[in-house]
Amino acid sequence: MNKETAKKVIIALASKDTDTLNALGVTVYGNKGRMWENEACITSLDDIKGECNPRLASNYCTVEHIGCPQCIKTLLDLAYGKPQPQATRV
């Protein structure tokens, strides 16, 4: 996923635009627990961040269930750049 696509995904997530997420080819994974909590992982980001959770159960999630904190952070970092560490004064 590139920077521009990441920005489009963020906008689509914010507006709950599942049609755009599907059109962008966003893939997700989550067991029933992640589905109920709306914390599905964005598997389209696995090559960047690795897997957040093992893929041991059946996939019950669709793009409407995206919400894994690690995936969202990775998506924001990809779209807008990683935050720079703050300098501290001594």
PDB file of N, CA and C in Angstrom:
ATOM      1  N   MET A   1       0.852  -1.164   0.000  1.00  0.00           N
ATOM      2  CA  MET A   1       0.000   0.000   0.000  1.00  0.00           C
ATOM      3  C   MET A   1       0.905   1.236   0.000  1.00  0.00           C
ATOM      4  N   ASN A   2       0.591   2.195  -0.855  1.00  0.00           N
ATOM      5  CA  ASN A   2       1.392   3.414  -0.905  1.00  0.00           C
ATOM      6  C   ASN A   2       0.739   4.533  -0.097  1.00  0.00           C
ATOM      7  N   LYS A   3       1.427   5.666  -0.023  1.00  0.00           N
ATOM      8  CA  LYS A   3       0.984   6.796   0.795  1.00  0.00           C
ATOM      9  C   LYS A   3      -0.391   7.314   0.370  1.00  0.00           C
ATOM     10  N   GLU A   4      -0.615   7.476  -0.924  1.00  0.00           N
ATOM     11  CA  GLU A   4      -1.889   8.008  -1.410  1.00  0.00           C
ATOM     12  C   GLU A   4      -3.051   7.053  -1.124  1.00  0.00           C
ATOM     13  N   THR A   5      -2.803   5.763  -1.316  1.00  0.00           N
ATOM     14  CA  THR A   5      -3.846   4.777  -1.014  1.00  0.00           C
ATOM     15  C   THR A   5      -4.153   4.779   0.470  1.00  0.00           C
ATOM     16  N   ALA A   6      -3.119   4.888   1.302  1.00  0.00           N
ATOM     17  CA  ALA A   6      -3.316   4.926   2.754  1.00  0.00           C
ATOM     18  C   ALA A   6      -4.203   6.108   3.140  1.00  0.00           C
ATOM     19  N   LYS A   7      -3.992   7.260   2.520  1.00  0.00           N
ATOM     20  CA  LYS A   7      -4.824   8.438   2.808  1.00  0.00           C
ATOM     21  C   LYS A   7      -6.276   8.186   2.400  1.00  0.00           C
ATOM     22  N   LYS A   8      -6.472   7.547   1.254  1.00  0.00           N
ATOM     23  CA  LYS A   8      -7.832   7.234   0.801  1.00  0.00           C
ATOM     24  C   LYS A   8      -8.516   6.260   1.758  1.00  0.00           C
ATOM     25  N   VAL A   9      -7.754   5.292   2.263  1.00  0.00           N
ATOM     26  CA  VAL A   9      -8.298   4.318   3.210  1.00  0.00           C
ATOM     27  C   VAL A   9      -8.718   5.023   4.502  1.00  0.00           C
ATOM     28  N   ILE A  10      -7.892   5.943   4.990  1.00  0.00           N
ATOM     29  CA  ILE A  10      -8.222   6.679   6.216  1.00  0.00           C
ATOM     30  C   ILE A  10      -9.517   7.469   6.035  1.00  0.00           C
ATOM     31  N   ILE A  11      -9.651   8.150   4.909  1.00  0.00           N
ATOM     32  CA  ILE A  11     -10.871   8.922   4.638  1.00  0.00           C
ATOM     33  C   ILE A  11     -12.078   7.993   4.568  1.00  0.00           C
ATOM     34  N   ALA A  12     -11.921   6.863   3.894  1.00  0.00           N
ATOM     35  CA  ALA A  12     -13.027   5.908   3.769  1.00  0.00           C
ATOM     36  C   ALA A  12     -13.394   5.320   5.134  1.00  0.00           C
ATOM     37  N   LEU A  13     -12.398   5.038   5.973  1.00  0.00           N
ATOM     38  CA  LEU A  13     -12.677   4.522   7.315  1.00  0.00           C
ATOM     39  C   LEU A  13     -13.432   5.559   8.142  1.00  0.00           C
ATOM     40  N   ALA A  14     -12.994   6.803   8.059  1.00  0.00           N
ATOM     41  CA  ALA A  14     -13.624   7.863   8.852  1.00  0.00           C
ATOM     42  C   ALA A  14     -15.085   8.074   8.464  1.00  0.00           C
ATOM     43  N   SER A  15     -15.375   7.888   7.178  1.00  0.00           N
ATOM     44  CA  SER A  15     -16.752   8.092   6.713  1.00  0.00           C
ATOM     45  C   SER A  15     -17.533   6.784   6.601  1.00  0.00           C
ATOM     46  N   LYS A  16     -16.901   5.691   7.048  1.00  0.00           N
ATOM     47  CA  LYS A  16     -17.524   4.362   7.000  1.00  0.00           C
ATOM     48  C   LYS A  16     -17.990   4.006   5.588  1.00  0.00           C
ATOM     49  N   ASP A  17     -17.151   4.340   4.614  1.00  0.00           N
ATOM     50  CA  ASP A  17     -17.441   4.107   3.200  1.00  0.00           C
ATOM     51  C   ASP A  17     -16.895   2.736   2.793  1.00  0.00           C
ATOM     52  N   THR A  18     -17.674   1.698   3.056  1.00  0.00           N
ATOM     53  CA  THR A  18     -17.218   0.337   2.781  1.00  0.00           C
ATOM     54  C   THR A  18     -17.058   0.072   1.285  1.00  0.00           C
ATOM     55  N   ASP A  19     -17.833   0.746   0.449  1.00  0.00           N
ATOM     56  CA  ASP A  19     -17.689   0.556  -1.002  1.00  0.00           C
ATOM     57  C   ASP A  19     -16.304   0.988  -1.465  1.00  0.00           C
ATOM     58  N   THR A  20     -15.829   2.129  -0.972  1.00  0.00           N
ATOM     59  CA  THR A  20     -14.496   2.601  -1.353  1.00  0.00           C
ATOM     60  C   THR A  20     -13.422   1.673  -0.810  1.00  0.00           C
ATOM     61  N   LEU A  21     -13.574   1.222   0.438  1.00  0.00           N
ATOM     62  CA  LEU A  21     -12.594   0.291   1.008  1.00  0.00           C
ATOM     63  C   LEU A  21     -12.504  -0.970   0.170  1.00  0.00           C
ATOM     64  N   ASN A  22     -13.642  -1.494  -0.254  1.00  0.00           N
ATOM     65  CA  ASN A  22     -13.631  -2.683  -1.117  1.00  0.00           C
ATOM     66  C   ASN A  22     -13.011  -2.373  -2.470  1.00  0.00           C
ATOM     67  N   ALA A  23     -13.331  -1.218  -3.043  1.00  0.00           N
ATOM     68  CA  ALA A  23     -12.779  -0.832  -4.346  1.00  0.00           C
ATOM     69  C   ALA A  23     -11.260  -0.652  -4.283  1.00  0.00           C
ATOM     70  N   LEU A  24     -10.755  -0.200  -3.132  1.00  0.00           N
ATOM     71  CA  LEU A  24      -9.316  -0.027  -2.957  1.00  0.00           C
ATOM     72  C   LEU A  24      -8.606  -1.357  -2.717  1.00  0.00           C
ATOM     73  N   GLY A  25      -9.370  -2.417  -2.556  1.00  0.00           N
ATOM     74  CA  GLY A  25      -8.780  -3.745  -2.357  1.00  0.00           C
ATOM     75  C   GLY A  25      -8.283  -3.982  -0.950  1.00  0.00           C
ATOM     76  N   VAL A  26      -8.837  -3.266   0.021  1.00  0.00           N
ATOM     77  CA  VAL A  26      -8.435  -3.448   1.416  1.00  0.00           C
ATOM     78  C   VAL A  26      -8.916  -4.817   1.880  1.00  0.00           C
ATOM     79  N   THR A  27      -8.001  -5.604   2.420  1.00  0.00           N
ATOM     80  CA  THR A  27      -8.351  -6.923   2.932  1.00  0.00           C
ATOM     81  C   THR A  27      -8.207  -6.911   4.449  1.00  0.00           C
ATOM     82  N   VAL A  28      -9.060  -7.689   5.115  1.00  0.00           N
ATOM     83  CA  VAL A  28      -9.080  -7.696   6.580  1.00  0.00           C
ATOM     84  C   VAL A  28      -9.133  -9.118   7.106  1.00  0.00           C
ATOM     85  N   TYR A  29      -8.810  -9.234   8.394  1.00  0.00           N
ATOM     86  CA  TYR A  29      -8.932 -10.522   9.071  1.00  0.00           C
ATOM     87  C   TYR A  29      -9.353 -10.280  10.505  1.00  0.00           C
ATOM     88  N   GLY A  30     -10.200 -11.145  10.985  1.00  0.00           N
ATOM     89  CA  GLY A  30     -10.566 -11.115  12.389  1.00  0.00           C
ATOM     90  C   GLY A  30     -11.471 -12.278  12.738  1.00  0.00           C
ATOM     91  N   ASN A  31     -11.237 -12.850  13.917  1.00  0.00           N
ATOM     92  CA  ASN A  31     -12.112 -13.906  14.407  1.00  0.00           C
ATOM     93  C   ASN A  31     -13.395 -13.274  14.939  1.00  0.00           C
ATOM     94  N   LYS A  32     -14.276 -14.053  15.535  1.00  0.00           N
ATOM     95  CA  LYS A  32     -15.546 -13.512  16.033  1.00  0.00           C
ATOM     96  C   LYS A  32     -15.349 -12.433  17.096  1.00  0.00           C
ATOM     97  N   GLY A  33     -14.363 -12.612  17.966  1.00  0.00           N
ATOM     98  CA  GLY A  33     -14.103 -11.618  19.002  1.00  0.00           C
ATOM     99  C   GLY A  33     -13.724 -10.271  18.414  1.00  0.00           C
ATOM    100  N   ARG A  34     -12.854 -10.279  17.420  1.00  0.00           N
ATOM    101  CA  ARG A  34     -12.463  -9.026  16.766  1.00  0.00           C
ATOM    102  C   ARG A  34     -13.642  -8.429  15.999  1.00  0.00           C
ATOM    103  N   MET A  35     -14.491  -9.268  15.461  1.00  0.00           N
ATOM    104  CA  MET A  35     -15.670  -8.770  14.751  1.00  0.00           C
ATOM    105  C   MET A  35     -16.594  -8.047  15.740  1.00  0.00           C
ATOM    106  N   TRP A  36     -16.858  -8.676  16.879  1.00  0.00           N
ATOM    107  CA  TRP A  36     -17.765  -8.083  17.868  1.00  0.00           C
ATOM    108  C   TRP A  36     -17.206  -6.770  18.417  1.00  0.00           C
ATOM    109  N   GLU A  37     -15.890  -6.676  18.523  1.00  0.00           N
ATOM    110  CA  GLU A  37     -15.248  -5.476  19.072  1.00  0.00           C
ATOM    111  C   GLU A  37     -14.871  -4.460  17.979  1.00  0.00           C
ATOM    112  N   ASN A  38     -15.158  -4.782  16.720  1.00  0.00           N
ATOM    113  CA  ASN A  38     -14.759  -3.927  15.591  1.00  0.00           C
ATOM    114  C   ASN A  38     -13.262  -3.627  15.637  1.00  0.00           C
ATOM    115  N   GLU A  39     -12.461  -4.689  15.738  1.00  0.00           N
ATOM    116  CA  GLU A  39     -11.014  -4.564  15.787  1.00  0.00           C
ATOM    117  C   GLU A  39     -10.336  -5.464  14.754  1.00  0.00           C
ATOM    118  N   ALA A  40     -10.937  -5.551  13.584  1.00  0.00           N
ATOM    119  CA  ALA A  40     -10.335  -6.367  12.523  1.00  0.00           C
ATOM    120  C   ALA A  40      -9.014  -5.760  12.069  1.00  0.00           C
ATOM    121  N   CYS A  41      -8.093  -6.621  11.704  1.00  0.00           N
ATOM    122  CA  CYS A  41      -6.791  -6.189  11.197  1.00  0.00           C
ATOM    123  C   CYS A  41      -6.860  -5.935   9.697  1.00  0.00           C
ATOM    124  N   ILE A  42      -6.059  -4.996   9.248  1.00  0.00           N
ATOM    125  CA  ILE A  42      -5.945  -4.708   7.810  1.00  0.00           C
ATOM    126  C   ILE A  42      -4.808  -5.576   7.285  1.00  0.00           C
ATOM    127  N   THR A  43      -5.150  -6.687   6.654  1.00  0.00           N
ATOM    128  CA  THR A  43      -4.110  -7.609   6.181  1.00  0.00           C
ATOM    129  C   THR A  43      -3.360  -7.037   4.989  1.00  0.00           C
ATOM    130  N   SER A  44      -3.905  -6.024   4.346  1.00  0.00           N
ATOM    131  CA  SER A  44      -3.198  -5.358   3.252  1.00  0.00           C
ATOM    132  C   SER A  44      -1.914  -4.695   3.753  1.00  0.00           C
ATOM    133  N   LEU A  45      -1.772  -4.511   5.059  1.00  0.00           N
ATOM    134  CA  LEU A  45      -0.586  -3.873   5.645  1.00  0.00           C
ATOM    135  C   LEU A  45       0.408  -4.883   6.203  1.00  0.00           C
ATOM    136  N   ASP A  46       0.132  -6.172   6.110  1.00  0.00           N
ATOM    137  CA  ASP A  46       0.995  -7.196   6.712  1.00  0.00           C
ATOM    138  C   ASP A  46       2.442  -7.107   6.243  1.00  0.00           C
ATOM    139  N   ASP A  47       2.668  -6.753   4.973  1.00  0.00           N
ATOM    140  CA  ASP A  47       4.044  -6.686   4.472  1.00  0.00           C
ATOM    141  C   ASP A  47       4.815  -5.528   5.101  1.00  0.00           C
ATOM    142  N   ILE A  48       4.121  -4.556   5.673  1.00  0.00           N
ATOM    143  CA  ILE A  48       4.769  -3.414   6.317  1.00  0.00           C
ATOM    144  C   ILE A  48       4.957  -3.668   7.808  1.00  0.00           C
ATOM    145  N   LYS A  49       3.917  -4.146   8.493  1.00  0.00           N
ATOM    146  CA  LYS A  49       3.927  -4.244   9.949  1.00  0.00           C
ATOM    147  C   LYS A  49       3.982  -5.671  10.466  1.00  0.00           C
ATOM    148  N   GLY A  50       3.802  -6.659   9.615  1.00  0.00           N
ATOM    149  CA  GLY A  50       3.685  -8.033  10.079  1.00  0.00           C
ATOM    150  C   GLY A  50       2.264  -8.299  10.536  1.00  0.00           C
ATOM    151  N   GLU A  51       2.003  -9.511  10.967  1.00  0.00           N
ATOM    152  CA  GLU A  51       0.658  -9.875  11.423  1.00  0.00           C
ATOM    153  C   GLU A  51       0.452  -9.417  12.861  1.00  0.00           C
ATOM    154  N   CYS A  52      -0.693  -8.796  13.123  1.00  0.00           N
ATOM    155  CA  CYS A  52      -1.028  -8.375  14.490  1.00  0.00           C
ATOM    156  C   CYS A  52      -1.450  -9.562  15.332  1.00  0.00           C
ATOM    157  N   ASN A  53      -2.164 -10.472  14.731  1.00  0.00           N
ATOM    158  CA  ASN A  53      -2.647 -11.639  15.453  1.00  0.00           C
ATOM    159  C   ASN A  53      -2.541 -12.848  14.540  1.00  0.00           C
ATOM    160  N   PRO A  54      -2.333 -14.020  15.127  1.00  0.00           N
ATOM    161  CA  PRO A  54      -2.209 -15.220  14.299  1.00  0.00           C
ATOM    162  C   PRO A  54      -3.504 -15.509  13.540  1.00  0.00           C
ATOM    163  N   ARG A  55      -3.374 -16.042  12.367  1.00  0.00           N
ATOM    164  CA  ARG A  55      -4.534 -16.367  11.535  1.00  0.00           C
ATOM    165  C   ARG A  55      -4.916 -17.828  11.790  1.00  0.00           C
ATOM    166  N   LEU A  56      -5.380 -18.099  13.014  1.00  0.00           N
ATOM    167  CA  LEU A  56      -5.658 -19.474  13.421  1.00  0.00           C
ATOM    168  C   LEU A  56      -7.132 -19.836  13.348  1.00  0.00           C
ATOM    169  N   ALA A  57      -7.997 -18.858  13.279  1.00  0.00           N
ATOM    170  CA  ALA A  57      -9.438 -19.112  13.284  1.00  0.00           C
ATOM    171  C   ALA A  57     -10.031 -18.714  11.932  1.00  0.00           C
ATOM    172  N   SER A  58     -11.294 -18.958  11.785  1.00  0.00           N
ATOM    173  CA  SER A  58     -11.988 -18.533  10.571  1.00  0.00           C
ATOM    174  C   SER A  58     -12.096 -17.021  10.549  1.00  0.00           C
ATOM    175  N   ASN A  59     -12.095 -16.460   9.345  1.00  0.00           N
ATOM    176  CA  ASN A  59     -12.234 -15.016   9.195  1.00  0.00           C
ATOM    177  C   ASN A  59     -13.719 -14.657   9.173  1.00  0.00           C
ATOM    178  N   TYR A  60     -14.147 -13.861  10.142  1.00  0.00           N
ATOM    179  CA  TYR A  60     -15.536 -13.440  10.231  1.00  0.00           C
ATOM    180  C   TYR A  60     -15.712 -11.964   9.870  1.00  0.00           C
ATOM    181  N   CYS A  61     -14.623 -11.272   9.595  1.00  0.00           N
ATOM    182  CA  CYS A  61     -14.683  -9.823   9.444  1.00  0.00           C
ATOM    183  C   CYS A  61     -14.726  -9.364   7.991  1.00  0.00           C
ATOM    184  N   THR A  62     -15.305  -8.196   7.830  1.00  0.00           N
ATOM    185  CA  THR A  62     -15.301  -7.480   6.554  1.00  0.00           C
ATOM    186  C   THR A  62     -14.735  -6.094   6.828  1.00  0.00           C
ATOM    187  N   VAL A  63     -14.605  -5.274   5.784  1.00  0.00           N
ATOM    188  CA  VAL A  63     -14.003  -3.955   5.970  1.00  0.00           C
ATOM    189  C   VAL A  63     -14.744  -3.100   6.994  1.00  0.00           C
ATOM    190  N   GLU A  64     -16.009  -3.369   7.218  1.00  0.00           N
ATOM    191  CA  GLU A  64     -16.764  -2.578   8.200  1.00  0.00           C
ATOM    192  C   GLU A  64     -16.313  -2.834   9.633  1.00  0.00           C
ATOM    193  N   HIS A  65     -15.494  -3.859   9.860  1.00  0.00           N
ATOM    194  CA  HIS A  65     -15.034  -4.204  11.205  1.00  0.00           C
ATOM    195  C   HIS A  65     -13.615  -3.717  11.494  1.00  0.00           C
ATOM    196  N   ILE A  66     -12.983  -2.968  10.589  1.00  0.00           N
ATOM    197  CA  ILE A  66     -11.605  -2.508  10.787  1.00  0.00           C
ATOM    198  C   ILE A  66     -11.524  -1.644  12.030  1.00  0.00           C
ATOM    199  N   GLY A  67     -10.469  -1.873  12.821  1.00  0.00           N
ATOM    200  CA  GLY A  67     -10.293  -1.072  14.025  1.00  0.00           C
ATOM    201  C   GLY A  67      -9.112  -1.479  14.880  1.00  0.00           C
ATOM    202  N   CYS A  68      -8.286  -2.391  14.404  1.00  0.00           N
ATOM    203  CA  CYS A  68      -7.108  -2.808  15.162  1.00  0.00           C
ATOM    204  C   CYS A  68      -6.206  -1.588  15.398  1.00  0.00           C
ATOM    205  N   PRO A  69      -5.903  -1.272  16.668  1.00  0.00           N
ATOM    206  CA  PRO A  69      -5.083  -0.090  16.948  1.00  0.00           C
ATOM    207  C   PRO A  69      -3.723  -0.099  16.258  1.00  0.00           C
ATOM    208  N   GLN A  70      -3.066  -1.264  16.213  1.00  0.00           N
ATOM    209  CA  GLN A  70      -1.756  -1.345  15.568  1.00  0.00           C
ATOM    210  C   GLN A  70      -1.880  -1.087  14.069  1.00  0.00           C
ATOM    211  N   CYS A  71      -2.934  -1.605  13.453  1.00  0.00           N
ATOM    212  CA  CYS A  71      -3.145  -1.385  12.020  1.00  0.00           C
ATOM    213  C   CYS A  71      -3.459   0.083  11.721  1.00  0.00           C
ATOM    214  N   ILE A  72      -4.284   0.700  12.550  1.00  0.00           N
ATOM    215  CA  ILE A  72      -4.624   2.107  12.358  1.00  0.00           C
ATOM    216  C   ILE A  72      -3.374   2.972  12.498  1.00  0.00           C
ATOM    217  N   LYS A  73      -2.531   2.683  13.499  1.00  0.00           N
ATOM    218  CA  LYS A  73      -1.294   3.441  13.687  1.00  0.00           C
ATOM    219  C   LYS A  73      -0.388   3.284  12.476  1.00  0.00           C
ATOM    220  N   THR A  74      -0.244   2.059  11.979  1.00  0.00           N
ATOM    221  CA  THR A  74       0.589   1.817  10.806  1.00  0.00           C
ATOM    222  C   THR A  74       0.042   2.562   9.596  1.00  0.00           C
ATOM    223  N   LEU A  75      -1.258   2.555   9.423  1.00  0.00           N
ATOM    224  CA  LEU A  75      -1.906   3.254   8.318  1.00  0.00           C
ATOM    225  C   LEU A  75      -1.642   4.758   8.396  1.00  0.00           C
ATOM    226  N   LEU A  76      -1.787   5.340   9.579  1.00  0.00           N
ATOM    227  CA  LEU A  76      -1.519   6.773   9.757  1.00  0.00           C
ATOM    228  C   LEU A  76      -0.048   7.104   9.512  1.00  0.00           C
ATOM    229  N   ASP A  77       0.856   6.248  10.015  1.00  0.00           N
ATOM    230  CA  ASP A  77       2.286   6.455   9.779  1.00  0.00           C
ATOM    231  C   ASP A  77       2.607   6.413   8.285  1.00  0.00           C
ATOM    232  N   LEU A  78       2.002   5.480   7.591  1.00  0.00           N
ATOM    233  CA  LEU A  78       2.230   5.342   6.153  1.00  0.00           C
ATOM    234  C   LEU A  78       1.697   6.559   5.400  1.00  0.00           C
ATOM    235  N   ALA A  79       0.518   7.028   5.769  1.00  0.00           N
ATOM    236  CA  ALA A  79      -0.113   8.139   5.064  1.00  0.00           C
ATOM    237  C   ALA A  79       0.543   9.478   5.350  1.00  0.00           C
ATOM    238  N   TYR A  80       0.912   9.699   6.591  1.00  0.00           N
ATOM    239  CA  TYR A  80       1.370  11.034   6.995  1.00  0.00           C
ATOM    240  C   TYR A  80       2.797  11.070   7.527  1.00  0.00           C
ATOM    241  N   GLY A  81       3.470   9.954   7.496  1.00  0.00           N
ATOM    242  CA  GLY A  81       4.844   9.907   7.988  1.00  0.00           C
ATOM    243  C   GLY A  81       4.889   9.574   9.459  1.00  0.00           C
ATOM    244  N   LYS A  82       5.953   8.898   9.846  1.00  0.00           N
ATOM    245  CA  LYS A  82       6.100   8.523  11.252  1.00  0.00           C
ATOM    246  C   LYS A  82       6.349   9.774  12.078  1.00  0.00           C
ATOM    247  N   PRO A  83       5.747   9.847  13.270  1.00  0.00           N
ATOM    248  CA  PRO A  83       5.990  11.007  14.117  1.00  0.00           C
ATOM    249  C   PRO A  83       7.455  11.081  14.535  1.00  0.00           C
ATOM    250  N   GLN A  84       7.974  12.281  14.564  1.00  0.00           N
ATOM    251  CA  GLN A  84       9.369  12.475  14.968  1.00  0.00           C
ATOM    252  C   GLN A  84       9.459  12.558  16.484  1.00  0.00           C
ATOM    253  N   PRO A  85      10.506  11.984  17.057  1.00  0.00           N
ATOM    254  CA  PRO A  85      10.647  12.077  18.512  1.00  0.00           C
ATOM    255  C   PRO A  85      10.798  13.541  18.937  1.00  0.00           C
ATOM    256  N   GLN A  86      10.205  13.881  20.064  1.00  0.00           N
ATOM    257  CA  GLN A  86      10.291  15.235  20.579  1.00  0.00           C
ATOM    258  C   GLN A  86      11.631  15.427  21.289  1.00  0.00           C
ATOM    259  N   ALA A  87      12.270  16.558  21.007  1.00  0.00           N
ATOM    260  CA  ALA A  87      13.519  16.871  21.686  1.00  0.00           C
ATOM    261  C   ALA A  87      13.199  17.309  23.109  1.00  0.00           C
ATOM    262  N   THR A  88      14.040  16.903  24.014  1.00  0.00           N
ATOM    263  CA  THR A  88      13.836  17.300  25.414  1.00  0.00           C
ATOM    264  C   THR A  88      14.917  18.280  25.814  1.00  0.00           C
ATOM    265  N   ARG A  89      14.524  19.226  26.611  1.00  0.00           N
ATOM    266  CA  ARG A  89      15.514  20.200  27.108  1.00  0.00           C
ATOM    267  C   ARG A  89      16.081  19.708  28.429  1.00  0.00           C
ATOM    268  N   VAL A  90      17.337  19.970  28.590  1.00  0.00           N
ATOM    269  CA  VAL A  90      18.017  19.568  29.818  1.00  0.00           C
ATOM    270  C   VAL A  90      18.231  20.758  30.705  1.00  0.00           C
TER     271      VAL A  90
END
